[in-house]
């Protein structure tokens, strides 16, 4: 006999059954519980699949899609039998699928085009630039300084001059009323230095009177108004006006006035907000005389009135001081003479 060969007459040995794994044995040993034996199985119990709007999905996956705000109809199913899985929903949430093309709609007809308006023809300027010199240049400088330095405030009222005797000089009466106002409130007949925060209240009154000319505005000083008679004041007014018109006014007559007056009413206008020239703190402007209906005891009368506008520098003058100054002016102008 050859070693290793089997006897043909003996049946071949049957293989022994394979030994079960330790894990399986352990699992079976663990199948007993407190309440009894529990059947075990390697098969997974599948969740019930429902069809919603043509999509096969389990309730758990549908709830997940609702939470992640994923449209199930737009998710490509990868599960068995076309079921949308949890992984499909999570993938769609991370990378939303592009929405399909919107249904085409006929384009709205464009509104009929209108021809653009023709550009207006360019008209060349009818004048020429010219330099500002002399009086107008000085006026521009003073007004700019006033705008930059002064804090102006204006109040207005009317003076009833019905009781005036015949032949009264309006400008002279206005000058006299300025001094009446200064006696009541001296602070408006003053200078103010904003940089040094200093004020000078004047004991006398020199009035800077605005004189209008073709070349610009002059402000000429009428001296010692507080102590001058009506005749003296009229003489000063005429002399200054002639000197301004003839361009013969001396420089000293164009400065150092303590308060200002503008009688613009000889032309037109009722009220104004006149400009103060520093260092003065106030200016009074008189408008055009008017006839007003005034209630009196037993009826109405028509009186002549002068509109008055007082501008003051609120850095140096209070509103109460300005109002009392204007009240004193109105009372003085109400006297017969």
C-alpha atoms as a PDB file:
ATOM      1  CA  UNK A   1       0.000   0.000   0.000  1.00  0.00           C
ATOM      2  CA  UNK A   2       1.061   3.416  -0.788  1.00  0.00           C
ATOM      3  CA  UNK A   3       1.092   5.702   2.232  1.00  0.00           C
ATOM      4  CA  UNK A   4      -1.524   8.403   2.116  1.00  0.00           C
ATOM      5  CA  UNK A   5      -4.014   6.550  -0.072  1.00  0.00           C
ATOM      6  CA  UNK A   6      -7.322   5.312   1.366  1.00  0.00           C
ATOM      7  CA  UNK A   7      -8.811   1.948   1.043  1.00  0.00           C
ATOM      8  CA  UNK A   8     -11.413   1.950  -1.723  1.00  0.00           C
ATOM      9  CA  UNK A   9     -13.659  -0.287   0.368  1.00  0.00           C
ATOM     10  CA  UNK A  10     -13.901   2.210   3.300  1.00  0.00           C
ATOM     11  CA  UNK A  11     -16.387   5.096   2.974  1.00  0.00           C
ATOM     12  CA  UNK A  12     -14.891   8.561   3.217  1.00  0.00           C
ATOM     13  CA  UNK A  13     -15.083  10.244   6.565  1.00  0.00           C
ATOM     14  CA  UNK A  14     -17.854  12.921   6.932  1.00  0.00           C
ATOM     15  CA  UNK A  15     -16.681  16.429   7.771  1.00  0.00           C
ATOM     16  CA  UNK A  16     -17.276  17.566  11.311  1.00  0.00           C
ATOM     17  CA  UNK A  17     -19.653  20.510  11.753  1.00  0.00           C
ATOM     18  CA  UNK A  18     -17.912  23.868  11.960  1.00  0.00           C
ATOM     19  CA  UNK A  19     -17.621  25.343  15.397  1.00  0.00           C
ATOM     20  CA  UNK A  20     -19.900  28.327  16.017  1.00  0.00           C
ATOM     21  CA  UNK A  21     -18.229  31.637  16.673  1.00  0.00           C
ATOM     22  CA  UNK A  22     -17.822  32.945  20.133  1.00  0.00           C
ATOM     23  CA  UNK A  23     -19.942  36.006  19.253  1.00  0.00           C
ATOM     24  CA  UNK A  24     -22.906  33.895  18.147  1.00  0.00           C
ATOM     25  CA  UNK A  25     -22.619  31.723  21.200  1.00  0.00           C
ATOM     26  CA  UNK A  26     -22.419  34.750  23.406  1.00  0.00           C
ATOM     27  CA  UNK A  27     -25.435  36.249  21.705  1.00  0.00           C
ATOM     28  CA  UNK A  28     -27.438  33.143  22.299  1.00  0.00           C
ATOM     29  CA  UNK A  29     -26.339  32.917  25.878  1.00  0.00           C
ATOM     30  CA  UNK A  30     -27.560  36.571  26.279  1.00  0.00           C
ATOM     31  CA  UNK A  31     -30.957  35.894  24.803  1.00  0.00           C
ATOM     32  CA  UNK A  32     -32.387  35.136  28.200  1.00  0.00           C
ATOM     33  CA  UNK A  33     -33.799  38.129  30.062  1.00  0.00           C
ATOM     34  CA  UNK A  34     -35.433  38.778  33.364  1.00  0.00           C
ATOM     35  CA  UNK A  35     -38.901  38.228  31.937  1.00  0.00           C
ATOM     36  CA  UNK A  36     -37.995  35.231  29.814  1.00  0.00           C
ATOM     37  CA  UNK A  37     -36.468  34.291  26.538  1.00  0.00           C
ATOM     38  CA  UNK A  38     -36.368  36.926  23.713  1.00  0.00           C
ATOM     39  CA  UNK A  39     -36.138  35.799  20.122  1.00  0.00           C
ATOM     40  CA  UNK A  40     -33.168  37.235  18.272  1.00  0.00           C
ATOM     41  CA  UNK A  41     -32.658  37.778  14.559  1.00  0.00           C
ATOM     42  CA  UNK A  42     -30.068  39.303  12.262  1.00  0.00           C
ATOM     43  CA  UNK A  43     -32.795  40.952  10.084  1.00  0.00           C
ATOM     44  CA  UNK A  44     -33.513  44.719  10.537  1.00  0.00           C
ATOM     45  CA  UNK A  45     -37.143  45.671  10.952  1.00  0.00           C
ATOM     46  CA  UNK A  46     -37.839  48.221   8.207  1.00  0.00           C
ATOM     47  CA  UNK A  47     -39.907  51.357   8.869  1.00  0.00           C
ATOM     48  CA  UNK A  48     -43.196  51.550   7.012  1.00  0.00           C
ATOM     49  CA  UNK A  49     -42.907  53.221   3.627  1.00  0.00           C
ATOM     50  CA  UNK A  50     -45.667  55.569   2.475  1.00  0.00           C
ATOM     51  CA  UNK A  51     -46.167  57.376  -0.813  1.00  0.00           C
ATOM     52  CA  UNK A  52     -46.637  61.136  -0.394  1.00  0.00           C
ATOM     53  CA  UNK A  53     -47.279  63.214  -3.501  1.00  0.00           C
ATOM     54  CA  UNK A  54     -45.767  60.469  -5.617  1.00  0.00           C
ATOM     55  CA  UNK A  55     -42.646  60.128  -3.434  1.00  0.00           C
ATOM     56  CA  UNK A  56     -41.862  56.949  -1.508  1.00  0.00           C
ATOM     57  CA  UNK A  57     -40.626  57.921   1.938  1.00  0.00           C
ATOM     58  CA  UNK A  58     -40.782  56.790   5.537  1.00  0.00           C
ATOM     59  CA  UNK A  59     -42.382  59.006   8.201  1.00  0.00           C
ATOM     60  CA  UNK A  60     -38.987  59.564   9.861  1.00  0.00           C
ATOM     61  CA  UNK A  61     -37.377  60.729   6.619  1.00  0.00           C
ATOM     62  CA  UNK A  62     -40.393  62.909   5.827  1.00  0.00           C
ATOM     63  CA  UNK A  63     -40.074  64.572   9.242  1.00  0.00           C
ATOM     64  CA  UNK A  64     -36.355  65.131   8.614  1.00  0.00           C
ATOM     65  CA  UNK A  65     -37.108  66.734   5.237  1.00  0.00           C
ATOM     66  CA  UNK A  66     -39.619  69.055   6.895  1.00  0.00           C
ATOM     67  CA  UNK A  67     -37.062  70.029   9.546  1.00  0.00           C
ATOM     68  CA  UNK A  68     -34.332  70.717   6.981  1.00  0.00           C
ATOM     69  CA  UNK A  69     -36.797  72.441   4.640  1.00  0.00           C
ATOM     70  CA  UNK A  70     -36.047  70.057   1.776  1.00  0.00           C
ATOM     71  CA  UNK A  71     -38.581  69.579  -1.002  1.00  0.00           C
ATOM     72  CA  UNK A  72     -38.968  65.786  -1.298  1.00  0.00           C
ATOM     73  CA  UNK A  73     -40.196  66.094  -4.863  1.00  0.00           C
ATOM     74  CA  UNK A  74     -36.798  67.512  -5.825  1.00  0.00           C
ATOM     75  CA  UNK A  75     -34.760  64.738  -4.138  1.00  0.00           C
ATOM     76  CA  UNK A  76     -33.395  61.866  -6.258  1.00  0.00           C
ATOM     77  CA  UNK A  77     -34.159  58.580  -4.374  1.00  0.00           C
ATOM     78  CA  UNK A  78     -31.348  56.092  -3.860  1.00  0.00           C
ATOM     79  CA  UNK A  79     -33.145  53.529  -1.723  1.00  0.00           C
ATOM     80  CA  UNK A  80     -34.466  50.180  -2.812  1.00  0.00           C
ATOM     81  CA  UNK A  81     -37.605  50.478  -4.875  1.00  0.00           C
ATOM     82  CA  UNK A  82     -37.193  54.230  -5.324  1.00  0.00           C
ATOM     83  CA  UNK A  83     -37.452  55.100  -1.639  1.00  0.00           C
ATOM     84  CA  UNK A  84     -35.990  58.423  -0.496  1.00  0.00           C
ATOM     85  CA  UNK A  85     -33.500  57.767   2.269  1.00  0.00           C
ATOM     86  CA  UNK A  86     -32.208  59.833   5.141  1.00  0.00           C
ATOM     87  CA  UNK A  87     -28.884  60.236   3.314  1.00  0.00           C
ATOM     88  CA  UNK A  88     -30.722  61.548   0.249  1.00  0.00           C
ATOM     89  CA  UNK A  89     -32.426  64.265   2.317  1.00  0.00           C
ATOM     90  CA  UNK A  90     -29.231  65.273   4.137  1.00  0.00           C
ATOM     91  CA  UNK A  91     -27.354  65.471   0.831  1.00  0.00           C
ATOM     92  CA  UNK A  92     -30.080  67.647  -0.667  1.00  0.00           C
ATOM     93  CA  UNK A  93     -29.979  69.927   2.383  1.00  0.00           C
ATOM     94  CA  UNK A  94     -26.217  70.409   1.993  1.00  0.00           C
ATOM     95  CA  UNK A  95     -26.383  70.963  -1.772  1.00  0.00           C
ATOM     96  CA  UNK A  96     -29.836  72.128  -2.807  1.00  0.00           C
ATOM     97  CA  UNK A  97     -30.701  70.978  -6.277  1.00  0.00           C
ATOM     98  CA  UNK A  98     -31.153  73.788  -8.789  1.00  0.00           C
ATOM     99  CA  UNK A  99     -34.751  74.532  -9.411  1.00  0.00           C
ATOM    100  CA  UNK A 100     -36.124  73.667 -12.797  1.00  0.00           C
ATOM    101  CA  UNK A 101     -36.674  76.334 -15.365  1.00  0.00           C
ATOM    102  CA  UNK A 102     -39.677  78.505 -14.660  1.00  0.00           C
ATOM    103  CA  UNK A 103     -42.512  78.177 -17.101  1.00  0.00           C
ATOM    104  CA  UNK A 104     -42.025  80.601 -19.867  1.00  0.00           C
ATOM    105  CA  UNK A 105     -44.307  83.589 -19.925  1.00  0.00           C
ATOM    106  CA  UNK A 106     -44.828  85.935 -22.785  1.00  0.00           C
ATOM    107  CA  UNK A 107     -42.599  88.951 -22.317  1.00  0.00           C
ATOM    108  CA  UNK A 108     -44.419  92.145 -21.504  1.00  0.00           C
ATOM    109  CA  UNK A 109     -44.564  94.493 -24.385  1.00  0.00           C
ATOM    110  CA  UNK A 110     -42.100  97.329 -23.991  1.00  0.00           C
ATOM    111  CA  UNK A 111     -43.741 100.737 -23.643  1.00  0.00           C
ATOM    112  CA  UNK A 112     -43.562 102.763 -26.780  1.00  0.00           C
ATOM    113  CA  UNK A 113     -40.391 104.772 -26.797  1.00  0.00           C
ATOM    114  CA  UNK A 114     -40.695 108.502 -26.630  1.00  0.00           C
ATOM    115  CA  UNK A 115     -38.244 110.762 -28.302  1.00  0.00           C
ATOM    116  CA  UNK A 116     -35.885 112.422 -25.833  1.00  0.00           C
ATOM    117  CA  UNK A 117     -36.619 116.121 -25.373  1.00  0.00           C
ATOM    118  CA  UNK A 118     -34.362 118.275 -27.384  1.00  0.00           C
ATOM    119  CA  UNK A 119     -31.717 120.076 -25.362  1.00  0.00           C
ATOM    120  CA  UNK A 120     -32.372 123.743 -24.857  1.00  0.00           C
ATOM    121  CA  UNK A 121     -30.124 125.856 -26.975  1.00  0.00           C
ATOM    122  CA  UNK A 122     -27.183 127.214 -25.016  1.00  0.00           C
ATOM    123  CA  UNK A 123     -27.552 130.941 -24.702  1.00  0.00           C
ATOM    124  CA  UNK A 124     -24.321 132.804 -24.178  1.00  0.00           C
ATOM    125  CA  UNK A 125     -24.283 135.089 -21.116  1.00  0.00           C
ATOM    126  CA  UNK A 126     -25.402 138.581 -21.926  1.00  0.00           C
ATOM    127  CA  UNK A 127     -22.991 140.254 -19.508  1.00  0.00           C
ATOM    128  CA  UNK A 128     -19.320 140.245 -18.672  1.00  0.00           C
ATOM    129  CA  UNK A 129     -17.492 139.510 -15.425  1.00  0.00           C
ATOM    130  CA  UNK A 130     -15.957 142.579 -13.877  1.00  0.00           C
ATOM    131  CA  UNK A 131     -13.923 143.071 -10.712  1.00  0.00           C
ATOM    132  CA  UNK A 132     -15.566 144.544  -7.616  1.00  0.00           C
ATOM    133  CA  UNK A 133     -13.791 147.672  -6.519  1.00  0.00           C
ATOM    134  CA  UNK A 134     -14.180 150.684  -4.300  1.00  0.00           C
ATOM    135  CA  UNK A 135     -17.370 151.063  -2.297  1.00  0.00           C
ATOM    136  CA  UNK A 136     -18.895 147.730  -3.344  1.00  0.00           C
ATOM    137  CA  UNK A 137     -15.726 145.898  -2.391  1.00  0.00           C
ATOM    138  CA  UNK A 138     -15.789 147.524   1.056  1.00  0.00           C
ATOM    139  CA  UNK A 139     -19.486 146.725   1.391  1.00  0.00           C
ATOM    140  CA  UNK A 140     -18.862 143.058   0.510  1.00  0.00           C
ATOM    141  CA  UNK A 141     -16.084 142.808   3.093  1.00  0.00           C
ATOM    142  CA  UNK A 142     -18.143 144.381   5.882  1.00  0.00           C
ATOM    143  CA  UNK A 143     -21.158 142.189   5.145  1.00  0.00           C
ATOM    144  CA  UNK A 144     -18.981 139.063   5.136  1.00  0.00           C
ATOM    145  CA  UNK A 145     -17.476 140.043   8.486  1.00  0.00           C
ATOM    146  CA  UNK A 146     -20.942 140.632   9.905  1.00  0.00           C
ATOM    147  CA  UNK A 147     -22.181 137.258   8.685  1.00  0.00           C
ATOM    148  CA  UNK A 148     -19.176 135.505  10.213  1.00  0.00           C
ATOM    149  CA  UNK A 149     -19.157 137.322  13.568  1.00  0.00           C
ATOM    150  CA  UNK A 150     -22.626 138.550  14.543  1.00  0.00           C
ATOM    151  CA  UNK A 151     -25.491 136.467  15.947  1.00  0.00           C
ATOM    152  CA  UNK A 152     -28.409 138.551  14.620  1.00  0.00           C
ATOM    153  CA  UNK A 153     -31.980 138.471  15.894  1.00  0.00           C
ATOM    154  CA  UNK A 154     -34.777 140.779  14.702  1.00  0.00           C
ATOM    155  CA  UNK A 155     -38.008 142.036  16.253  1.00  0.00           C
ATOM    156  CA  UNK A 156     -40.618 144.213  14.525  1.00  0.00           C
ATOM    157  CA  UNK A 157     -43.473 146.530  15.449  1.00  0.00           C
ATOM    158  CA  UNK A 158     -45.329 149.637  14.248  1.00  0.00           C
ATOM    159  CA  UNK A 159     -45.201 153.178  15.608  1.00  0.00           C
ATOM    160  CA  UNK A 160     -48.463 155.137  15.416  1.00  0.00           C
ATOM    161  CA  UNK A 161     -47.674 158.710  14.263  1.00  0.00           C
ATOM    162  CA  UNK A 162     -51.292 159.859  13.963  1.00  0.00           C
ATOM    163  CA  UNK A 163     -50.696 162.631  16.527  1.00  0.00           C
ATOM    164  CA  UNK A 164     -47.780 164.249  14.714  1.00  0.00           C
ATOM    165  CA  UNK A 165     -48.125 167.934  14.093  1.00  0.00           C
ATOM    166  CA  UNK A 166     -47.808 169.149  10.540  1.00  0.00           C
ATOM    167  CA  UNK A 167     -44.334 169.353   8.974  1.00  0.00           C
ATOM    168  CA  UNK A 168     -42.502 166.824  11.131  1.00  0.00           C
ATOM    169  CA  UNK A 169     -39.153 165.595   9.743  1.00  0.00           C
ATOM    170  CA  UNK A 170     -39.380 161.795   9.700  1.00  0.00           C
ATOM    171  CA  UNK A 171     -35.627 161.134   9.703  1.00  0.00           C
ATOM    172  CA  UNK A 172     -35.018 163.596  12.533  1.00  0.00           C
ATOM    173  CA  UNK A 173     -37.823 162.035  14.576  1.00  0.00           C
ATOM    174  CA  UNK A 174     -36.325 158.575  14.004  1.00  0.00           C
ATOM    175  CA  UNK A 175     -32.925 159.807  15.196  1.00  0.00           C
ATOM    176  CA  UNK A 176     -34.471 161.321  18.318  1.00  0.00           C
ATOM    177  CA  UNK A 177     -36.346 158.097  19.068  1.00  0.00           C
ATOM    178  CA  UNK A 178     -33.061 156.150  18.902  1.00  0.00           C
ATOM    179  CA  UNK A 179     -31.759 158.227  21.777  1.00  0.00           C
ATOM    180  CA  UNK A 180     -35.008 157.626  23.688  1.00  0.00           C
ATOM    181  CA  UNK A 181     -34.458 153.898  23.248  1.00  0.00           C
ATOM    182  CA  UNK A 182     -30.838 154.170  24.403  1.00  0.00           C
ATOM    183  CA  UNK A 183     -31.904 156.026  27.535  1.00  0.00           C
ATOM    184  CA  UNK A 184     -34.233 153.125  28.344  1.00  0.00           C
ATOM    185  CA  UNK A 185     -31.701 150.405  27.408  1.00  0.00           C
ATOM    186  CA  UNK A 186     -28.126 151.755  27.052  1.00  0.00           C
ATOM    187  CA  UNK A 187     -26.810 148.311  26.074  1.00  0.00           C
ATOM    188  CA  UNK A 188     -27.996 148.711  22.472  1.00  0.00           C
ATOM    189  CA  UNK A 189     -25.903 151.878  22.009  1.00  0.00           C
ATOM    190  CA  UNK A 190     -22.699 149.896  22.425  1.00  0.00           C
ATOM    191  CA  UNK A 191     -19.776 148.053  20.826  1.00  0.00           C
ATOM    192  CA  UNK A 192     -18.932 144.401  21.348  1.00  0.00           C
ATOM    193  CA  UNK A 193     -15.581 142.663  20.858  1.00  0.00           C
ATOM    194  CA  UNK A 194     -16.241 138.949  20.522  1.00  0.00           C
ATOM    195  CA  UNK A 195     -12.579 137.931  20.439  1.00  0.00           C
ATOM    196  CA  UNK A 196     -11.749 139.726  23.685  1.00  0.00           C
ATOM    197  CA  UNK A 197     -15.262 139.291  25.123  1.00  0.00           C
ATOM    198  CA  UNK A 198     -15.472 142.998  25.895  1.00  0.00           C
ATOM    199  CA  UNK A 199     -18.342 145.489  25.663  1.00  0.00           C
ATOM    200  CA  UNK A 200     -18.308 149.276  25.611  1.00  0.00           C
ATOM    201  CA  UNK A 201     -21.573 151.088  26.404  1.00  0.00           C
ATOM    202  CA  UNK A 202     -21.441 154.621  24.997  1.00  0.00           C
ATOM    203  CA  UNK A 203     -22.607 157.654  26.920  1.00  0.00           C
ATOM    204  CA  UNK A 204     -23.208 159.675  23.755  1.00  0.00           C
ATOM    205  CA  UNK A 205     -24.740 158.608  20.433  1.00  0.00           C
ATOM    206  CA  UNK A 206     -23.217 158.736  16.953  1.00  0.00           C
ATOM    207  CA  UNK A 207     -25.590 157.205  14.405  1.00  0.00           C
ATOM    208  CA  UNK A 208     -24.308 155.401  11.328  1.00  0.00           C
ATOM    209  CA  UNK A 209     -26.868 156.272   8.667  1.00  0.00           C
ATOM    210  CA  UNK A 210     -27.090 154.135   5.527  1.00  0.00           C
ATOM    211  CA  UNK A 211     -26.894 156.136   2.284  1.00  0.00           C
ATOM    212  CA  UNK A 212     -27.691 154.323  -0.969  1.00  0.00           C
ATOM    213  CA  UNK A 213     -25.735 155.203  -4.129  1.00  0.00           C
ATOM    214  CA  UNK A 214     -25.187 153.654  -7.565  1.00  0.00           C
ATOM    215  CA  UNK A 215     -21.709 152.579  -6.500  1.00  0.00           C
ATOM    216  CA  UNK A 216     -22.870 150.835  -3.355  1.00  0.00           C
ATOM    217  CA  UNK A 217     -23.874 151.459   0.223  1.00  0.00           C
ATOM    218  CA  UNK A 218     -22.220 154.068   2.419  1.00  0.00           C
ATOM    219  CA  UNK A 219     -22.682 154.302   6.185  1.00  0.00           C
ATOM    220  CA  UNK A 220     -21.945 157.857   7.259  1.00  0.00           C
ATOM    221  CA  UNK A 221     -21.806 158.969  10.896  1.00  0.00           C
ATOM    222  CA  UNK A 222     -24.078 161.640  12.329  1.00  0.00           C
ATOM    223  CA  UNK A 223     -22.265 162.953  15.396  1.00  0.00           C
ATOM    224  CA  UNK A 224     -23.668 163.863  18.821  1.00  0.00           C
ATOM    225  CA  UNK A 225     -27.254 162.929  18.028  1.00  0.00           C
ATOM    226  CA  UNK A 226     -28.062 162.870  21.738  1.00  0.00           C
ATOM    227  CA  UNK A 227     -27.321 166.584  22.140  1.00  0.00           C
ATOM    228  CA  UNK A 228     -28.216 168.021  18.721  1.00  0.00           C
ATOM    229  CA  UNK A 229     -31.347 169.999  17.910  1.00  0.00           C
ATOM    230  CA  UNK A 230     -33.679 169.063  15.084  1.00  0.00           C
ATOM    231  CA  UNK A 231     -32.202 171.861  12.963  1.00  0.00           C
ATOM    232  CA  UNK A 232     -28.634 170.693  13.602  1.00  0.00           C
ATOM    233  CA  UNK A 233     -29.536 167.110  12.742  1.00  0.00           C
ATOM    234  CA  UNK A 234     -31.187 168.131   9.469  1.00  0.00           C
ATOM    235  CA  UNK A 235     -28.075 170.135   8.568  1.00  0.00           C
ATOM    236  CA  UNK A 236     -25.820 167.126   9.252  1.00  0.00           C
ATOM    237  CA  UNK A 237     -28.043 164.822   7.200  1.00  0.00           C
ATOM    238  CA  UNK A 238     -27.991 167.108   4.161  1.00  0.00           C
ATOM    239  CA  UNK A 239     -24.241 167.670   4.408  1.00  0.00           C
ATOM    240  CA  UNK A 240     -23.421 163.966   4.646  1.00  0.00           C
ATOM    241  CA  UNK A 241     -25.717 163.082   1.769  1.00  0.00           C
ATOM    242  CA  UNK A 242     -24.139 165.716  -0.474  1.00  0.00           C
ATOM    243  CA  UNK A 243     -20.639 164.591   0.473  1.00  0.00           C
ATOM    244  CA  UNK A 244     -21.489 160.983  -0.346  1.00  0.00           C
ATOM    245  CA  UNK A 245     -23.015 161.853  -3.713  1.00  0.00           C
ATOM    246  CA  UNK A 246     -20.056 164.081  -4.612  1.00  0.00           C
ATOM    247  CA  UNK A 247     -17.520 161.548  -3.287  1.00  0.00           C
ATOM    248  CA  UNK A 248     -16.074 164.179  -1.005  1.00  0.00           C
ATOM    249  CA  UNK A 249     -16.888 162.618   2.343  1.00  0.00           C
ATOM    250  CA  UNK A 250     -13.865 162.437   4.671  1.00  0.00           C
ATOM    251  CA  UNK A 251     -12.839 158.968   5.933  1.00  0.00           C
ATOM    252  CA  UNK A 252     -13.447 159.930   9.574  1.00  0.00           C
ATOM    253  CA  UNK A 253     -17.157 160.344   8.791  1.00  0.00           C
ATOM    254  CA  UNK A 254     -17.401 156.684   7.729  1.00  0.00           C
ATOM    255  CA  UNK A 255     -16.468 155.065  11.037  1.00  0.00           C
ATOM    256  CA  UNK A 256     -16.865 155.035  14.825  1.00  0.00           C
ATOM    257  CA  UNK A 257     -20.675 155.227  14.914  1.00  0.00           C
ATOM    258  CA  UNK A 258     -22.306 153.643  17.973  1.00  0.00           C
ATOM    259  CA  UNK A 259     -25.656 152.525  16.508  1.00  0.00           C
ATOM    260  CA  UNK A 260     -27.087 152.257  12.983  1.00  0.00           C
ATOM    261  CA  UNK A 261     -30.211 153.458  11.132  1.00  0.00           C
ATOM    262  CA  UNK A 262     -31.605 152.442   7.729  1.00  0.00           C
ATOM    263  CA  UNK A 263     -34.542 154.418   6.327  1.00  0.00           C
ATOM    264  CA  UNK A 264     -35.242 152.073   3.404  1.00  0.00           C
ATOM    265  CA  UNK A 265     -38.948 152.966   3.479  1.00  0.00           C
ATOM    266  CA  UNK A 266     -38.313 156.008   1.270  1.00  0.00           C
ATOM    267  CA  UNK A 267     -38.233 153.455  -1.585  1.00  0.00           C
ATOM    268  CA  UNK A 268     -40.461 150.507  -0.622  1.00  0.00           C
ATOM    269  CA  UNK A 269     -40.856 147.729   1.903  1.00  0.00           C
ATOM    270  CA  UNK A 270     -42.442 147.277   5.288  1.00  0.00           C
ATOM    271  CA  UNK A 271     -40.147 145.178   7.493  1.00  0.00           C
ATOM    272  CA  UNK A 272     -36.565 143.976   7.089  1.00  0.00           C
ATOM    273  CA  UNK A 273     -33.739 142.127   8.805  1.00  0.00           C
ATOM    274  CA  UNK A 274     -30.966 144.709   8.429  1.00  0.00           C
ATOM    275  CA  UNK A 275     -27.298 143.816   8.810  1.00  0.00           C
ATOM    276  CA  UNK A 276     -25.208 145.000  11.748  1.00  0.00           C
ATOM    277  CA  UNK A 277     -21.695 146.240  11.026  1.00  0.00           C
ATOM    278  CA  UNK A 278     -19.383 145.193  13.887  1.00  0.00           C
ATOM    279  CA  UNK A 279     -18.521 146.370  16.471  1.00  0.00           C
ATOM    280  CA  UNK A 280     -22.044 147.838  16.729  1.00  0.00           C
ATOM    281  CA  UNK A 281     -24.666 145.632  18.372  1.00  0.00           C
ATOM    282  CA  UNK A 282     -27.893 147.046  16.895  1.00  0.00           C
ATOM    283  CA  UNK A 283     -29.493 148.613  13.837  1.00  0.00           C
ATOM    284  CA  UNK A 284     -33.012 149.995  13.318  1.00  0.00           C
ATOM    285  CA  UNK A 285     -34.725 149.948   9.912  1.00  0.00           C
ATOM    286  CA  UNK A 286     -37.800 152.055   9.111  1.00  0.00           C
ATOM    287  CA  UNK A 287     -40.198 150.872   6.406  1.00  0.00           C
ATOM    288  CA  UNK A 288     -42.607 152.747   4.186  1.00  0.00           C
ATOM    289  CA  UNK A 289     -45.282 154.774   5.984  1.00  0.00           C
ATOM    290  CA  UNK A 290     -48.696 153.090   5.915  1.00  0.00           C
ATOM    291  CA  UNK A 291     -52.285 153.897   6.738  1.00  0.00           C
ATOM    292  CA  UNK A 292     -53.774 151.362   9.144  1.00  0.00           C
ATOM    293  CA  UNK A 293     -57.275 150.917  10.528  1.00  0.00           C
ATOM    294  CA  UNK A 294     -56.975 151.317  14.305  1.00  0.00           C
ATOM    295  CA  UNK A 295     -59.736 150.472  16.793  1.00  0.00           C
ATOM    296  CA  UNK A 296     -60.554 153.375  19.100  1.00  0.00           C
ATOM    297  CA  UNK A 297     -63.202 153.962  21.730  1.00  0.00           C
ATOM    298  CA  UNK A 298     -66.522 153.964  19.930  1.00  0.00           C
ATOM    299  CA  UNK A 299     -65.299 152.890  16.510  1.00  0.00           C
ATOM    300  CA  UNK A 300     -62.347 152.800  14.128  1.00  0.00           C
ATOM    301  CA  UNK A 301     -59.921 155.367  12.753  1.00  0.00           C
ATOM    302  CA  UNK A 302     -57.296 155.365  10.012  1.00  0.00           C
ATOM    303  CA  UNK A 303     -53.839 156.259  11.374  1.00  0.00           C
ATOM    304  CA  UNK A 304     -50.458 156.664   9.774  1.00  0.00           C
ATOM    305  CA  UNK A 305     -47.866 154.207  11.061  1.00  0.00           C
ATOM    306  CA  UNK A 306     -44.143 153.585  10.615  1.00  0.00           C
ATOM    307  CA  UNK A 307     -43.076 149.921  10.462  1.00  0.00           C
ATOM    308  CA  UNK A 308     -39.929 149.381  12.544  1.00  0.00           C
ATOM    309  CA  UNK A 309     -37.446 146.493  12.498  1.00  0.00           C
ATOM    310  CA  UNK A 310     -34.729 146.151  15.137  1.00  0.00           C
ATOM    311  CA  UNK A 311     -31.852 143.725  14.595  1.00  0.00           C
ATOM    312  CA  UNK A 312     -29.524 143.151  17.545  1.00  0.00           C
ATOM    313  CA  UNK A 313     -26.471 141.011  18.244  1.00  0.00           C
ATOM    314  CA  UNK A 314     -27.728 138.358  20.624  1.00  0.00           C
ATOM    315  CA  UNK A 315     -24.212 137.779  21.952  1.00  0.00           C
ATOM    316  CA  UNK A 316     -24.330 141.167  23.679  1.00  0.00           C
ATOM    317  CA  UNK A 317     -28.042 142.043  23.920  1.00  0.00           C
ATOM    318  CA  UNK A 318     -30.919 140.110  25.469  1.00  0.00           C
ATOM    319  CA  UNK A 319     -34.356 139.851  23.917  1.00  0.00           C
ATOM    320  CA  UNK A 320     -35.872 141.791  26.807  1.00  0.00           C
ATOM    321  CA  UNK A 321     -33.408 144.657  26.386  1.00  0.00           C
ATOM    322  CA  UNK A 322     -34.173 144.829  22.671  1.00  0.00           C
ATOM    323  CA  UNK A 323     -37.946 144.807  23.248  1.00  0.00           C
ATOM    324  CA  UNK A 324     -37.751 147.591  25.846  1.00  0.00           C
ATOM    325  CA  UNK A 325     -35.534 149.621  23.512  1.00  0.00           C
ATOM    326  CA  UNK A 326     -38.088 149.283  20.692  1.00  0.00           C
ATOM    327  CA  UNK A 327     -40.964 150.118  23.049  1.00  0.00           C
ATOM    328  CA  UNK A 328     -39.256 153.362  24.101  1.00  0.00           C
ATOM    329  CA  UNK A 329     -38.738 154.285  20.437  1.00  0.00           C
ATOM    330  CA  UNK A 330     -42.419 153.682  19.648  1.00  0.00           C
ATOM    331  CA  UNK A 331     -43.541 155.777  22.612  1.00  0.00           C
ATOM    332  CA  UNK A 332     -41.294 158.680  21.576  1.00  0.00           C
ATOM    333  CA  UNK A 333     -42.502 158.504  17.959  1.00  0.00           C
ATOM    334  CA  UNK A 334     -46.090 158.622  19.230  1.00  0.00           C
ATOM    335  CA  UNK A 335     -45.599 162.120  20.675  1.00  0.00           C
ATOM    336  CA  UNK A 336     -47.018 165.060  18.680  1.00  0.00           C
ATOM    337  CA  UNK A 337     -43.588 166.667  18.296  1.00  0.00           C
END
